[in-house]
Amino acid sequence: MIQVLANWNEIAQATLFLGRHNLPKHRSAEKNWDLYHLCQIIDPLPRHAKIIDLGCGGLDTLKFLHALSFQNLTGVDLHIPLLDRIQQLARMWK
C-alpha cells in the first residue's frame, strides 16, 4: 500500500512515536515519518530475517533497523567519489 505524507502533523506524530519507543530519529524531520512507517512494516518480521538496504548512503536506515534488534543486515551503496568519477571520465575519453 502506498501512503503519502499529508502534513506536518503526521511528521510530529511519527517523531513522537520514535521518541516514546527510544528509537533513533533522523536528522531530517520528514524522514522520521519514513522510519515510523518502516517500523510498522517490518514489525512482524523475525529479528533474524536477512535485510538488505540498497542505496544505504549514511547508514541511517541500517542503524534504525539495528536499534529494532535486527542483526542480519547488509548495506550496499554505489556512491562513487567525485574525484574517482573525474578520473574514470578522463580515461574513457583518452
C-alpha atoms as a PDB file:
ATOM      1  CA  MET A   1       0.000   0.000   0.000  1.00  0.00           C
ATOM      2  CA  ILE A   2       1.287   3.451  -0.900  1.00  0.00           C
ATOM      3  CA  GLN A   3       0.995   6.185   1.702  1.00  0.00           C
ATOM      4  CA  VAL A   4       1.643   9.842   1.056  1.00  0.00           C
ATOM      5  CA  LEU A   5       2.798  12.312   3.683  1.00  0.00           C
ATOM      6  CA  ALA A   6      -0.078  14.760   4.067  1.00  0.00           C
ATOM      7  CA  ASN A   7       1.080  17.383   6.551  1.00  0.00           C
ATOM      8  CA  TRP A   8       3.497  18.386   9.304  1.00  0.00           C
ATOM      9  CA  ASN A   9       1.211  16.887  11.955  1.00  0.00           C
ATOM     10  CA  GLU A  10       1.979  13.421  10.596  1.00  0.00           C
ATOM     11  CA  ILE A  11       5.691  14.168  10.910  1.00  0.00           C
ATOM     12  CA  ALA A  12       5.176  15.300  14.507  1.00  0.00           C
ATOM     13  CA  GLN A  13       3.198  12.152  15.368  1.00  0.00           C
ATOM     14  CA  ALA A  14       5.871   9.938  13.800  1.00  0.00           C
ATOM     15  CA  THR A  15       8.643  11.761  15.678  1.00  0.00           C
ATOM     16  CA  LEU A  16       6.753  11.379  18.957  1.00  0.00           C
ATOM     17  CA  PHE A  17       6.316   7.651  18.285  1.00  0.00           C
ATOM     18  CA  LEU A  18      10.051   7.222  17.734  1.00  0.00           C
ATOM     19  CA  GLY A  19      10.806   9.138  20.919  1.00  0.00           C
ATOM     20  CA  ARG A  20       8.315   7.126  23.012  1.00  0.00           C
ATOM     21  CA  HIS A  21       9.956   3.916  21.819  1.00  0.00           C
ATOM     22  CA  ASN A  22      13.529   5.181  22.310  1.00  0.00           C
ATOM     23  CA  LEU A  23      14.261   4.746  18.620  1.00  0.00           C
ATOM     24  CA  PRO A  24      16.810   6.883  16.796  1.00  0.00           C
ATOM     25  CA  LYS A  25      15.464   9.872  14.915  1.00  0.00           C
ATOM     26  CA  HIS A  26      16.691  11.025  11.535  1.00  0.00           C
ATOM     27  CA  ARG A  27      18.352  14.429  11.201  1.00  0.00           C
ATOM     28  CA  SER A  28      15.691  15.299   8.615  1.00  0.00           C
ATOM     29  CA  ALA A  29      12.235  15.612  10.210  1.00  0.00           C
ATOM     30  CA  GLU A  30      10.448  14.266   7.136  1.00  0.00           C
ATOM     31  CA  LYS A  31      12.498  11.070   7.257  1.00  0.00           C
ATOM     32  CA  ASN A  32      11.109  10.341  10.732  1.00  0.00           C
ATOM     33  CA  TRP A  33       7.768   9.748   9.008  1.00  0.00           C
ATOM     34  CA  ASP A  34       9.507   7.201   6.751  1.00  0.00           C
ATOM     35  CA  LEU A  35      11.137   5.490   9.744  1.00  0.00           C
ATOM     36  CA  TYR A  36       7.792   5.279  11.535  1.00  0.00           C
ATOM     37  CA  HIS A  37       6.229   3.510   8.552  1.00  0.00           C
ATOM     38  CA  LEU A  38       9.250   1.257   8.131  1.00  0.00           C
ATOM     39  CA  CYS A  39       8.830   0.257  11.766  1.00  0.00           C
ATOM     40  CA  GLN A  40       5.173  -0.654  11.157  1.00  0.00           C
ATOM     41  CA  ILE A  41       6.001  -2.695   8.049  1.00  0.00           C
ATOM     42  CA  ILE A  42       8.872  -4.740   9.482  1.00  0.00           C
ATOM     43  CA  ASP A  43       7.494  -5.262  12.995  1.00  0.00           C
ATOM     44  CA  PRO A  44       6.105  -8.737  12.196  1.00  0.00           C
ATOM     45  CA  LEU A  45       9.419  -9.957  10.759  1.00  0.00           C
ATOM     46  CA  PRO A  46      11.626 -12.232  12.838  1.00  0.00           C
ATOM     47  CA  ARG A  47      14.635 -10.358  14.165  1.00  0.00           C
ATOM     48  CA  HIS A  48      16.968 -12.829  12.423  1.00  0.00           C
ATOM     49  CA  ALA A  49      15.497 -12.026   8.974  1.00  0.00           C
ATOM     50  CA  LYS A  50      18.009 -11.116   6.282  1.00  0.00           C
ATOM     51  CA  ILE A  51      17.595  -7.466   5.259  1.00  0.00           C
ATOM     52  CA  ILE A  52      19.472  -5.583   2.552  1.00  0.00           C
ATOM     53  CA  ASP A  53      19.405  -1.801   2.188  1.00  0.00           C
ATOM     54  CA  LEU A  54      20.183  -0.850  -1.410  1.00  0.00           C
ATOM     55  CA  GLY A  55      21.476   2.707  -1.535  1.00  0.00           C
ATOM     56  CA  CYS A  56      22.274   2.779   2.168  1.00  0.00           C
ATOM     57  CA  GLY A  57      24.194   6.075   1.991  1.00  0.00           C
ATOM     58  CA  GLY A  58      24.858   7.310   5.527  1.00  0.00           C
ATOM     59  CA  LEU A  59      23.606   4.046   7.086  1.00  0.00           C
ATOM     60  CA  ASP A  60      20.660   5.754   8.829  1.00  0.00           C
ATOM     61  CA  THR A  61      18.173   3.016   7.951  1.00  0.00           C
ATOM     62  CA  LEU A  62      20.565   0.230   8.898  1.00  0.00           C
ATOM     63  CA  LYS A  63      21.231   1.891  12.257  1.00  0.00           C
ATOM     64  CA  PHE A  64      17.481   2.196  12.773  1.00  0.00           C
ATOM     65  CA  LEU A  65      16.945  -1.495  11.965  1.00  0.00           C
ATOM     66  CA  HIS A  66      19.773  -2.425  14.339  1.00  0.00           C
ATOM     67  CA  ALA A  67      18.062  -0.386  17.077  1.00  0.00           C
ATOM     68  CA  LEU A  68      14.977  -2.545  16.434  1.00  0.00           C
ATOM     69  CA  SER A  69      17.173  -5.609  17.184  1.00  0.00           C
ATOM     70  CA  PHE A  70      17.616  -6.782  13.605  1.00  0.00           C
ATOM     71  CA  GLN A  71      21.064  -8.341  13.315  1.00  0.00           C
ATOM     72  CA  ASN A  72      21.369  -9.831   9.827  1.00  0.00           C
ATOM     73  CA  LEU A  73      21.762  -6.539   7.954  1.00  0.00           C
ATOM     74  CA  THR A  74      23.596  -5.730   4.731  1.00  0.00           C
ATOM     75  CA  GLY A  75      24.055  -2.343   3.122  1.00  0.00           C
ATOM     76  CA  VAL A  76      25.062  -1.619  -0.467  1.00  0.00           C
ATOM     77  CA  ASP A  77      25.767   1.837  -1.819  1.00  0.00           C
ATOM     78  CA  LEU A  78      27.236   2.639  -5.197  1.00  0.00           C
ATOM     79  CA  HIS A  79      28.393   6.122  -4.309  1.00  0.00           C
ATOM     80  CA  ILE A  80      31.448   6.950  -6.342  1.00  0.00           C
ATOM     81  CA  PRO A  81      33.540   9.859  -5.026  1.00  0.00           C
ATOM     82  CA  LEU A  82      33.734  12.836  -7.397  1.00  0.00           C
ATOM     83  CA  LEU A  83      37.490  12.517  -7.943  1.00  0.00           C
ATOM     84  CA  ASP A  84      37.083   8.868  -8.964  1.00  0.00           C
ATOM     85  CA  ARG A  85      34.326   9.838 -11.420  1.00  0.00           C
ATOM     86  CA  ILE A  86      36.507  12.524 -12.997  1.00  0.00           C
ATOM     87  CA  GLN A  87      39.412  10.098 -13.360  1.00  0.00           C
ATOM     88  CA  GLN A  88      37.110   7.493 -14.883  1.00  0.00           C
ATOM     89  CA  LEU A  89      35.735  10.010 -17.397  1.00  0.00           C
ATOM     90  CA  ALA A  90      39.261  11.121 -18.294  1.00  0.00           C
ATOM     91  CA  ARG A  91      40.256   7.501 -19.015  1.00  0.00           C
ATOM     92  CA  MET A  92      37.118   6.970 -21.120  1.00  0.00           C
ATOM     93  CA  TRP A  93      37.829   9.998 -23.334  1.00  0.00           C
ATOM     94  CA  LYS A  94      41.521   9.247 -23.998  1.00  0.00           C
END
